[in-house]
Amino acid sequence: MAVEIEGDLVRRVAVGSKSVFVRRNAANYDWDKWLNGKQWRLSYGVDFDVALNSFCSAAFAAARKRGLKLTTHLAEDDQGRPAVCIQVCSPKQHGL
């Protein structure tokens, strides 16, 4: 079975003689762990495999769904791969 990545959120999967599109699901990420208040550096190709801005959008949506505020910034991991640092903010940090 051949897999071809197309865009940030969709991949084409060959199934027999047909190909179907499968949407990646942000629910597959470990949001409960990553949104626990600690700072996390998540690496492209290790922790996620979508565009950085798409992953940040998914992280903000996951936080909002849980009633949380989130800060993010772009970085590199120890191997020089692109990474996103995320951390839940307290209401006090966010001026709320």
PDB file of N, CA and C in Angstrom:
ATOM      1  N   MET A   1       0.849  -1.174   0.000  1.00  0.00           N
ATOM      2  CA  MET A   1       0.000   0.000   0.000  1.00  0.00           C
ATOM      3  C   MET A   1       0.893   1.235   0.000  1.00  0.00           C
ATOM      4  N   ALA A   2       0.680   2.123  -0.919  1.00  0.00           N
ATOM      5  CA  ALA A   2       1.463   3.353  -1.023  1.00  0.00           C
ATOM      6  C   ALA A   2       0.727   4.486  -0.332  1.00  0.00           C
ATOM      7  N   VAL A   3       1.483   5.323   0.342  1.00  0.00           N
ATOM      8  CA  VAL A   3       0.898   6.480   1.014  1.00  0.00           C
ATOM      9  C   VAL A   3       1.582   7.723   0.489  1.00  0.00           C
ATOM     10  N   GLU A   4       0.798   8.679   0.080  1.00  0.00           N
ATOM     11  CA  GLU A   4       1.324   9.942  -0.437  1.00  0.00           C
ATOM     12  C   GLU A   4       0.755  11.071   0.411  1.00  0.00           C
ATOM     13  N   ILE A   5       1.612  11.892   0.963  1.00  0.00           N
ATOM     14  CA  ILE A   5       1.145  13.019   1.768  1.00  0.00           C
ATOM     15  C   ILE A   5       0.723  14.137   0.833  1.00  0.00           C
ATOM     16  N   GLU A   6      -0.455  14.664   1.058  1.00  0.00           N
ATOM     17  CA  GLU A   6      -0.967  15.768   0.256  1.00  0.00           C
ATOM     18  C   GLU A   6      -1.483  16.849   1.187  1.00  0.00           C
ATOM     19  N   GLY A   7      -0.790  17.954   1.256  1.00  0.00           N
ATOM     20  CA  GLY A   7      -1.210  19.045   2.119  1.00  0.00           C
ATOM     21  C   GLY A   7      -0.905  18.749   3.569  1.00  0.00           C
ATOM     22  N   ASP A   8      -1.464  19.567   4.443  1.00  0.00           N
ATOM     23  CA  ASP A   8      -1.182  19.440   5.868  1.00  0.00           C
ATOM     24  C   ASP A   8      -2.035  18.386   6.550  1.00  0.00           C
ATOM     25  N   LEU A   9      -3.280  18.249   6.144  1.00  0.00           N
ATOM     26  CA  LEU A   9      -4.202  17.449   6.921  1.00  0.00           C
ATOM     27  C   LEU A   9      -4.752  16.231   6.197  1.00  0.00           C
ATOM     28  N   VAL A  10      -4.392  16.059   4.947  1.00  0.00           N
ATOM     29  CA  VAL A  10      -5.011  14.990   4.173  1.00  0.00           C
ATOM     30  C   VAL A  10      -3.937  14.118   3.566  1.00  0.00           C
ATOM     31  N   ARG A  11      -4.170  12.828   3.553  1.00  0.00           N
ATOM     32  CA  ARG A  11      -3.248  11.934   2.862  1.00  0.00           C
ATOM     33  C   ARG A  11      -4.046  11.014   1.965  1.00  0.00           C
ATOM     34  N   ARG A  12      -3.439  10.587   0.893  1.00  0.00           N
ATOM     35  CA  ARG A  12      -4.071   9.680  -0.056  1.00  0.00           C
ATOM     36  C   ARG A  12      -3.531   8.282   0.220  1.00  0.00           C
ATOM     37  N   VAL A  13      -4.426   7.358   0.399  1.00  0.00           N
ATOM     38  CA  VAL A  13      -4.039   5.986   0.676  1.00  0.00           C
ATOM     39  C   VAL A  13      -4.580   5.106  -0.436  1.00  0.00           C
ATOM     40  N   ALA A  14      -3.695   4.327  -1.057  1.00  0.00           N
ATOM     41  CA  ALA A  14      -4.118   3.408  -2.112  1.00  0.00           C
ATOM     42  C   ALA A  14      -4.718   2.170  -1.458  1.00  0.00           C
ATOM     43  N   VAL A  15      -5.953   1.880  -1.828  1.00  0.00           N
ATOM     44  CA  VAL A  15      -6.648   0.699  -1.324  1.00  0.00           C
ATOM     45  C   VAL A  15      -7.073  -0.101  -2.549  1.00  0.00           C
ATOM     46  N   GLY A  16      -6.339  -1.159  -2.827  1.00  0.00           N
ATOM     47  CA  GLY A  16      -6.608  -1.911  -4.052  1.00  0.00           C
ATOM     48  C   GLY A  16      -6.359  -1.031  -5.254  1.00  0.00           C
ATOM     49  N   SER A  17      -7.313  -0.963  -6.153  1.00  0.00           N
ATOM     50  CA  SER A  17      -7.160  -0.142  -7.354  1.00  0.00           C
ATOM     51  C   SER A  17      -7.714   1.264  -7.154  1.00  0.00           C
ATOM     52  N   LYS A  18      -8.272   1.553  -5.984  1.00  0.00           N
ATOM     53  CA  LYS A  18      -8.839   2.868  -5.694  1.00  0.00           C
ATOM     54  C   LYS A  18      -7.945   3.600  -4.705  1.00  0.00           C
ATOM     55  N   SER A  19      -8.078   4.903  -4.677  1.00  0.00           N
ATOM     56  CA  SER A  19      -7.395   5.666  -3.637  1.00  0.00           C
ATOM     57  C   SER A  19      -8.441   6.478  -2.892  1.00  0.00           C
ATOM     58  N   VAL A  20      -8.251   6.584  -1.623  1.00  0.00           N
ATOM     59  CA  VAL A  20      -9.181   7.339  -0.791  1.00  0.00           C
ATOM     60  C   VAL A  20      -8.392   8.369   0.002  1.00  0.00           C
ATOM     61  N   PHE A  21      -9.057   9.435   0.388  1.00  0.00           N
ATOM     62  CA  PHE A  21      -8.421  10.455   1.211  1.00  0.00           C
ATOM     63  C   PHE A  21      -8.796  10.211   2.662  1.00  0.00           C
ATOM     64  N   VAL A  22      -7.814  10.311   3.525  1.00  0.00           N
ATOM     65  CA  VAL A  22      -8.019  10.118   4.951  1.00  0.00           C
ATOM     66  C   VAL A  22      -7.558  11.376   5.659  1.00  0.00           C
ATOM     67  N   ARG A  23      -8.421  11.986   6.430  1.00  0.00           N
ATOM     68  CA  ARG A  23      -8.065  13.198   7.176  1.00  0.00           C
ATOM     69  C   ARG A  23      -7.364  12.796   8.465  1.00  0.00           C
ATOM     70  N   ARG A  24      -6.235  13.420   8.711  1.00  0.00           N
ATOM     71  CA  ARG A  24      -5.551  13.182   9.979  1.00  0.00           C
ATOM     72  C   ARG A  24      -6.379  13.780  11.091  1.00  0.00           C
ATOM     73  N   ASN A  25      -6.338  13.171  12.227  1.00  0.00           N
ATOM     74  CA  ASN A  25      -7.189  13.587  13.322  1.00  0.00           C
ATOM     75  C   ASN A  25      -6.336  14.135  14.468  1.00  0.00           C
ATOM     76  N   ALA A  26      -6.588  15.382  14.848  1.00  0.00           N
ATOM     77  CA  ALA A  26      -5.837  15.987  15.951  1.00  0.00           C
ATOM     78  C   ALA A  26      -6.107  15.263  17.264  1.00  0.00           C
ATOM     79  N   ALA A  27      -7.187  14.479  17.327  1.00  0.00           N
ATOM     80  CA  ALA A  27      -7.489  13.730  18.550  1.00  0.00           C
ATOM     81  C   ALA A  27      -6.448  12.634  18.795  1.00  0.00           C
ATOM     82  N   ASN A  28      -5.654  12.305  17.788  1.00  0.00           N
ATOM     83  CA  ASN A  28      -4.622  11.285  17.957  1.00  0.00           C
ATOM     84  C   ASN A  28      -3.434  11.783  18.777  1.00  0.00           C
ATOM     85  N   TYR A  29      -3.355  13.082  19.017  1.00  0.00           N
ATOM     86  CA  TYR A  29      -2.270  13.634  19.810  1.00  0.00           C
ATOM     87  C   TYR A  29      -2.591  13.490  21.299  1.00  0.00           C
ATOM     88  N   ASP A  30      -1.572  13.473  22.135  1.00  0.00           N
ATOM     89  CA  ASP A  30      -1.738  13.300  23.571  1.00  0.00           C
ATOM     90  C   ASP A  30      -1.950  14.654  24.245  1.00  0.00           C
ATOM     91  N   TRP A  31      -3.070  15.305  23.921  1.00  0.00           N
ATOM     92  CA  TRP A  31      -3.331  16.649  24.421  1.00  0.00           C
ATOM     93  C   TRP A  31      -3.423  16.693  25.939  1.00  0.00           C
ATOM     94  N   ASP A  32      -3.999  15.665  26.568  1.00  0.00           N
ATOM     95  CA  ASP A  32      -4.111  15.690  28.031  1.00  0.00           C
ATOM     96  C   ASP A  32      -2.735  15.764  28.681  1.00  0.00           C
ATOM     97  N   LYS A  33      -1.777  15.078  28.129  1.00  0.00           N
ATOM     98  CA  LYS A  33      -0.410  15.124  28.651  1.00  0.00           C
ATOM     99  C   LYS A  33       0.238  16.475  28.332  1.00  0.00           C
ATOM    100  N   TRP A  34       0.129  16.911  27.079  1.00  0.00           N
ATOM    101  CA  TRP A  34       0.815  18.124  26.635  1.00  0.00           C
ATOM    102  C   TRP A  34       0.204  19.404  27.188  1.00  0.00           C
ATOM    103  N   LEU A  35      -1.047  19.353  27.622  1.00  0.00           N
ATOM    104  CA  LEU A  35      -1.713  20.543  28.153  1.00  0.00           C
ATOM    105  C   LEU A  35      -1.817  20.477  29.680  1.00  0.00           C
ATOM    106  N   ASN A  36      -0.813  19.872  30.318  1.00  0.00           N
ATOM    107  CA  ASN A  36      -0.836  19.692  31.773  1.00  0.00           C
ATOM    108  C   ASN A  36      -0.180  20.836  32.532  1.00  0.00           C
ATOM    109  N   GLY A  37       0.229  21.901  31.846  1.00  0.00           N
ATOM    110  CA  GLY A  37       0.839  23.053  32.509  1.00  0.00           C
ATOM    111  C   GLY A  37       2.350  23.107  32.389  1.00  0.00           C
ATOM    112  N   LYS A  38       2.982  21.988  32.071  1.00  0.00           N
ATOM    113  CA  LYS A  38       4.426  21.986  31.869  1.00  0.00           C
ATOM    114  C   LYS A  38       4.737  22.512  30.472  1.00  0.00           C
ATOM    115  N   GLN A  39       5.966  22.955  30.270  1.00  0.00           N
ATOM    116  CA  GLN A  39       6.378  23.380  28.936  1.00  0.00           C
ATOM    117  C   GLN A  39       6.841  22.160  28.151  1.00  0.00           C
ATOM    118  N   TRP A  40       6.348  22.048  26.926  1.00  0.00           N
ATOM    119  CA  TRP A  40       6.701  20.924  26.057  1.00  0.00           C
ATOM    120  C   TRP A  40       7.319  21.432  24.776  1.00  0.00           C
ATOM    121  N   ARG A  41       8.396  20.782  24.339  1.00  0.00           N
ATOM    122  CA  ARG A  41       8.990  21.051  23.026  1.00  0.00           C
ATOM    123  C   ARG A  41       8.676  19.831  22.172  1.00  0.00           C
ATOM    124  N   LEU A  42       7.819  20.035  21.177  1.00  0.00           N
ATOM    125  CA  LEU A  42       7.323  18.956  20.333  1.00  0.00           C
ATOM    126  C   LEU A  42       7.959  19.078  18.958  1.00  0.00           C
ATOM    127  N   SER A  43       8.564  18.000  18.494  1.00  0.00           N
ATOM    128  CA  SER A  43       9.374  18.029  17.274  1.00  0.00           C
ATOM    129  C   SER A  43       8.605  17.543  16.054  1.00  0.00           C
ATOM    130  N   TYR A  44       8.802  18.273  14.960  1.00  0.00           N
ATOM    131  CA  TYR A  44       8.230  17.867  13.678  1.00  0.00           C
ATOM    132  C   TYR A  44       8.868  16.543  13.260  1.00  0.00           C
ATOM    133  N   GLY A  45       8.048  15.610  12.812  1.00  0.00           N
ATOM    134  CA  GLY A  45       8.531  14.313  12.368  1.00  0.00           C
ATOM    135  C   GLY A  45       8.657  13.302  13.492  1.00  0.00           C
ATOM    136  N   VAL A  46       8.534  13.762  14.738  1.00  0.00           N
ATOM    137  CA  VAL A  46       8.590  12.872  15.899  1.00  0.00           C
ATOM    138  C   VAL A  46       7.236  12.887  16.608  1.00  0.00           C
ATOM    139  N   ASP A  47       6.817  14.084  17.031  1.00  0.00           N
ATOM    140  CA  ASP A  47       5.566  14.226  17.771  1.00  0.00           C
ATOM    141  C   ASP A  47       4.383  14.580  16.877  1.00  0.00           C
ATOM    142  N   PHE A  48       4.638  15.183  15.744  1.00  0.00           N
ATOM    143  CA  PHE A  48       3.583  15.549  14.792  1.00  0.00           C
ATOM    144  C   PHE A  48       4.192  15.599  13.407  1.00  0.00           C
ATOM    145  N   ASP A  49       3.340  15.512  12.382  1.00  0.00           N
ATOM    146  CA  ASP A  49       3.865  15.510  11.007  1.00  0.00           C
ATOM    147  C   ASP A  49       3.055  16.387  10.064  1.00  0.00           C
ATOM    148  N   VAL A  50       2.461  17.447  10.613  1.00  0.00           N
ATOM    149  CA  VAL A  50       1.763  18.431   9.794  1.00  0.00           C
ATOM    150  C   VAL A  50       2.565  19.728   9.842  1.00  0.00           C
ATOM    151  N   ALA A  51       2.186  20.688   9.034  1.00  0.00           N
ATOM    152  CA  ALA A  51       2.875  21.983   9.031  1.00  0.00           C
ATOM    153  C   ALA A  51       2.828  22.597  10.431  1.00  0.00           C
ATOM    154  N   LEU A  52       3.855  23.347  10.766  1.00  0.00           N
ATOM    155  CA  LEU A  52       3.947  23.945  12.098  1.00  0.00           C
ATOM    156  C   LEU A  52       2.721  24.783  12.439  1.00  0.00           C
ATOM    157  N   ASN A  53       2.271  25.608  11.500  1.00  0.00           N
ATOM    158  CA  ASN A  53       1.109  26.458  11.777  1.00  0.00           C
ATOM    159  C   ASN A  53      -0.150  25.623  11.967  1.00  0.00           C
ATOM    160  N   SER A  54      -0.273  24.505  11.263  1.00  0.00           N
ATOM    161  CA  SER A  54      -1.428  23.623  11.443  1.00  0.00           C
ATOM    162  C   SER A  54      -1.392  22.973  12.819  1.00  0.00           C
ATOM    163  N   PHE A  55      -0.203  22.563  13.256  1.00  0.00           N
ATOM    164  CA  PHE A  55      -0.091  21.955  14.581  1.00  0.00           C
ATOM    165  C   PHE A  55      -0.414  22.981  15.663  1.00  0.00           C
ATOM    166  N   CYS A  56       0.081  24.213  15.499  1.00  0.00           N
ATOM    167  CA  CYS A  56      -0.233  25.261  16.477  1.00  0.00           C
ATOM    168  C   CYS A  56      -1.739  25.512  16.540  1.00  0.00           C
ATOM    169  N   SER A  57      -2.388  25.542  15.393  1.00  0.00           N
ATOM    170  CA  SER A  57      -3.844  25.736  15.360  1.00  0.00           C
ATOM    171  C   SER A  57      -4.552  24.603  16.095  1.00  0.00           C
ATOM    172  N   ALA A  58      -4.096  23.376  15.870  1.00  0.00           N
ATOM    173  CA  ALA A  58      -4.694  22.226  16.553  1.00  0.00           C
ATOM    174  C   ALA A  58      -4.470  22.310  18.059  1.00  0.00           C
ATOM    175  N   ALA A  59      -3.282  22.772  18.473  1.00  0.00           N
ATOM    176  CA  ALA A  59      -2.984  22.908  19.898  1.00  0.00           C
ATOM    177  C   ALA A  59      -3.887  23.965  20.539  1.00  0.00           C
ATOM    178  N   PHE A  60      -4.054  25.118  19.875  1.00  0.00           N
ATOM    179  CA  PHE A  60      -4.939  26.160  20.399  1.00  0.00           C
ATOM    180  C   PHE A  60      -6.374  25.656  20.499  1.00  0.00           C
ATOM    181  N   ALA A  61      -6.817  24.902  19.498  1.00  0.00           N
ATOM    182  CA  ALA A  61      -8.181  24.364  19.518  1.00  0.00           C
ATOM    183  C   ALA A  61      -8.358  23.364  20.655  1.00  0.00           C
ATOM    184  N   ALA A  62      -7.367  22.502  20.871  1.00  0.00           N
ATOM    185  CA  ALA A  62      -7.439  21.516  21.956  1.00  0.00           C
ATOM    186  C   ALA A  62      -7.473  22.220  23.317  1.00  0.00           C
ATOM    187  N   ALA A  63      -6.688  23.278  23.463  1.00  0.00           N
ATOM    188  CA  ALA A  63      -6.682  24.039  24.720  1.00  0.00           C
ATOM    189  C   ALA A  63      -8.028  24.734  24.920  1.00  0.00           C
ATOM    190  N   ARG A  64      -8.525  25.383  23.888  1.00  0.00           N
ATOM    191  CA  ARG A  64      -9.802  26.089  23.974  1.00  0.00           C
ATOM    192  C   ARG A  64     -10.928  25.122  24.347  1.00  0.00           C
ATOM    193  N   LYS A  65     -10.908  23.924  23.779  1.00  0.00           N
ATOM    194  CA  LYS A  65     -11.916  22.905  24.073  1.00  0.00           C
ATOM    195  C   LYS A  65     -11.910  22.539  25.562  1.00  0.00           C
ATOM    196  N   ARG A  66     -10.748  22.646  26.196  1.00  0.00           N
ATOM    197  CA  ARG A  66     -10.612  22.314  27.612  1.00  0.00           C
ATOM    198  C   ARG A  66     -10.721  23.551  28.510  1.00  0.00           C
ATOM    199  N   GLY A  67     -11.031  24.711  27.915  1.00  0.00           N
ATOM    200  CA  GLY A  67     -11.158  25.942  28.690  1.00  0.00           C
ATOM    201  C   GLY A  67      -9.824  26.510  29.130  1.00  0.00           C
ATOM    202  N   LEU A  68      -8.755  26.210  28.384  1.00  0.00           N
ATOM    203  CA  LEU A  68      -7.409  26.643  28.735  1.00  0.00           C
ATOM    204  C   LEU A  68      -6.897  27.683  27.749  1.00  0.00           C
ATOM    205  N   LYS A  69      -5.920  28.445  28.171  1.00  0.00           N
ATOM    206  CA  LYS A  69      -5.188  29.376  27.313  1.00  0.00           C
ATOM    207  C   LYS A  69      -3.806  28.792  27.079  1.00  0.00           C
ATOM    208  N   LEU A  70      -3.244  29.055  25.908  1.00  0.00           N
ATOM    209  CA  LEU A  70      -1.992  28.422  25.516  1.00  0.00           C
ATOM    210  C   LEU A  70      -1.034  29.448  24.941  1.00  0.00           C
ATOM    211  N   THR A  71       0.246  29.280  25.217  1.00  0.00           N
ATOM    212  CA  THR A  71       1.280  30.046  24.525  1.00  0.00           C
ATOM    213  C   THR A  71       2.102  29.066  23.698  1.00  0.00           C
ATOM    214  N   THR A  72       2.575  29.552  22.563  1.00  0.00           N
ATOM    215  CA  THR A  72       3.411  28.733  21.690  1.00  0.00           C
ATOM    216  C   THR A  72       4.567  29.578  21.183  1.00  0.00           C
ATOM    217  N   HIS A  73       5.646  28.933  20.838  1.00  0.00           N
ATOM    218  CA  HIS A  73       6.697  29.579  20.057  1.00  0.00           C
ATOM    219  C   HIS A  73       7.452  28.511  19.287  1.00  0.00           C
ATOM    220  N   LEU A  74       8.016  28.933  18.175  1.00  0.00           N
ATOM    221  CA  LEU A  74       8.745  28.016  17.303  1.00  0.00           C
ATOM    222  C   LEU A  74      10.184  27.915  17.763  1.00  0.00           C
ATOM    223  N   ALA A  75      10.749  26.733  17.614  1.00  0.00           N
ATOM    224  CA  ALA A  75      12.122  26.476  18.062  1.00  0.00           C
ATOM    225  C   ALA A  75      12.706  25.360  17.201  1.00  0.00           C
ATOM    226  N   GLU A  76      13.853  24.853  17.629  1.00  0.00           N
ATOM    227  CA  GLU A  76      14.450  23.660  17.041  1.00  0.00           C
ATOM    228  C   GLU A  76      14.720  22.685  18.169  1.00  0.00           C
ATOM    229  N   ASP A  77      14.659  21.373  17.854  1.00  0.00           N
ATOM    230  CA  ASP A  77      15.009  20.402  18.882  1.00  0.00           C
ATOM    231  C   ASP A  77      16.520  20.177  18.875  1.00  0.00           C
ATOM    232  N   ASP A  78      16.996  19.235  19.662  1.00  0.00           N
ATOM    233  CA  ASP A  78      18.436  18.991  19.797  1.00  0.00           C
ATOM    234  C   ASP A  78      19.090  18.500  18.509  1.00  0.00           C
ATOM    235  N   GLN A  79      18.288  17.950  17.596  1.00  0.00           N
ATOM    236  CA  GLN A  79      18.813  17.482  16.311  1.00  0.00           C
ATOM    237  C   GLN A  79      18.615  18.507  15.193  1.00  0.00           C
ATOM    238  N   GLY A  80      18.158  19.691  15.526  1.00  0.00           N
ATOM    239  CA  GLY A  80      17.976  20.749  14.538  1.00  0.00           C
ATOM    240  C   GLY A  80      16.662  20.674  13.782  1.00  0.00           C
ATOM    241  N   ARG A  81      15.752  19.782  14.207  1.00  0.00           N
ATOM    242  CA  ARG A  81      14.443  19.687  13.554  1.00  0.00           C
ATOM    243  C   ARG A  81      13.562  20.832  14.025  1.00  0.00           C
ATOM    244  N   PRO A  82      12.654  21.312  13.168  1.00  0.00           N
ATOM    245  CA  PRO A  82      11.694  22.325  13.608  1.00  0.00           C
ATOM    246  C   PRO A  82      10.868  21.773  14.769  1.00  0.00           C
ATOM    247  N   ALA A  83      10.544  22.634  15.713  1.00  0.00           N
ATOM    248  CA  ALA A  83       9.770  22.224  16.876  1.00  0.00           C
ATOM    249  C   ALA A  83       8.833  23.348  17.287  1.00  0.00           C
ATOM    250  N   VAL A  84       7.814  22.977  18.035  1.00  0.00           N
ATOM    251  CA  VAL A  84       6.877  23.932  18.613  1.00  0.00           C
ATOM    252  C   VAL A  84       6.915  23.746  20.117  1.00  0.00           C
ATOM    253  N   CYS A  85       7.122  24.834  20.842  1.00  0.00           N
ATOM    254  CA  CYS A  85       7.052  24.796  22.297  1.00  0.00           C
ATOM    255  C   CYS A  85       5.664  25.279  22.696  1.00  0.00           C
ATOM    256  N   ILE A  86       5.011  24.508  23.565  1.00  0.00           N
ATOM    257  CA  ILE A  86       3.672  24.881  24.024  1.00  0.00           C
ATOM    258  C   ILE A  86       3.638  24.819  25.543  1.00  0.00           C
ATOM    259  N   GLN A  87       2.791  25.690  26.132  1.00  0.00           N
ATOM    260  CA  GLN A  87       2.568  25.665  27.561  1.00  0.00           C
ATOM    261  C   GLN A  87       1.237  26.331  27.855  1.00  0.00           C
ATOM    262  N   VAL A  88       0.472  25.699  28.729  1.00  0.00           N
ATOM    263  CA  VAL A  88      -0.784  26.285  29.181  1.00  0.00           C
ATOM    264  C   VAL A  88      -0.454  27.460  30.086  1.00  0.00           C
ATOM    265  N   CYS A  89      -1.194  28.553  29.922  1.00  0.00           N
ATOM    266  CA  CYS A  89      -1.024  29.754  30.750  1.00  0.00           C
ATOM    267  C   CYS A  89      -2.077  29.772  31.839  1.00  0.00           C
ATOM    268  N   SER A  90      -1.693  30.268  32.982  1.00  0.00           N
ATOM    269  CA  SER A  90      -2.697  30.487  34.021  1.00  0.00           C
ATOM    270  C   SER A  90      -3.464  31.760  33.656  1.00  0.00           C
ATOM    271  N   PRO A  91      -4.681  31.916  34.170  1.00  0.00           N
ATOM    272  CA  PRO A  91      -5.425  33.160  33.901  1.00  0.00           C
ATOM    273  C   PRO A  91      -4.630  34.394  34.318  1.00  0.00           C
ATOM    274  N   LYS A  92      -3.852  34.296  35.403  1.00  0.00           N
ATOM    275  CA  LYS A  92      -3.059  35.429  35.877  1.00  0.00           C
ATOM    276  C   LYS A  92      -1.995  35.816  34.834  1.00  0.00           C
ATOM    277  N   GLN A  93      -1.332  34.818  34.228  1.00  0.00           N
ATOM    278  CA  GLN A  93      -0.340  35.091  33.191  1.00  0.00           C
ATOM    279  C   GLN A  93      -0.973  35.754  31.988  1.00  0.00           C
ATOM    280  N   HIS A  94      -2.217  35.441  31.751  1.00  0.00           N
ATOM    281  CA  HIS A  94      -2.891  35.932  30.554  1.00  0.00           C
ATOM    282  C   HIS A  94      -3.658  37.228  30.821  1.00  0.00           C
ATOM    283  N   GLY A  95      -3.549  37.746  32.023  1.00  0.00           N
ATOM    284  CA  GLY A  95      -4.234  39.000  32.350  1.00  0.00           C
ATOM    285  C   GLY A  95      -5.732  38.842  32.514  1.00  0.00           C
ATOM    286  N   LEU A  96      -6.183  37.645  32.891  1.00  0.00           N
ATOM    287  CA  LEU A  96      -7.627  37.408  33.056  1.00  0.00           C
ATOM    288  C   LEU A  96      -8.023  37.426  34.509  1.00  0.00           C
TER     289      LEU A  96
END
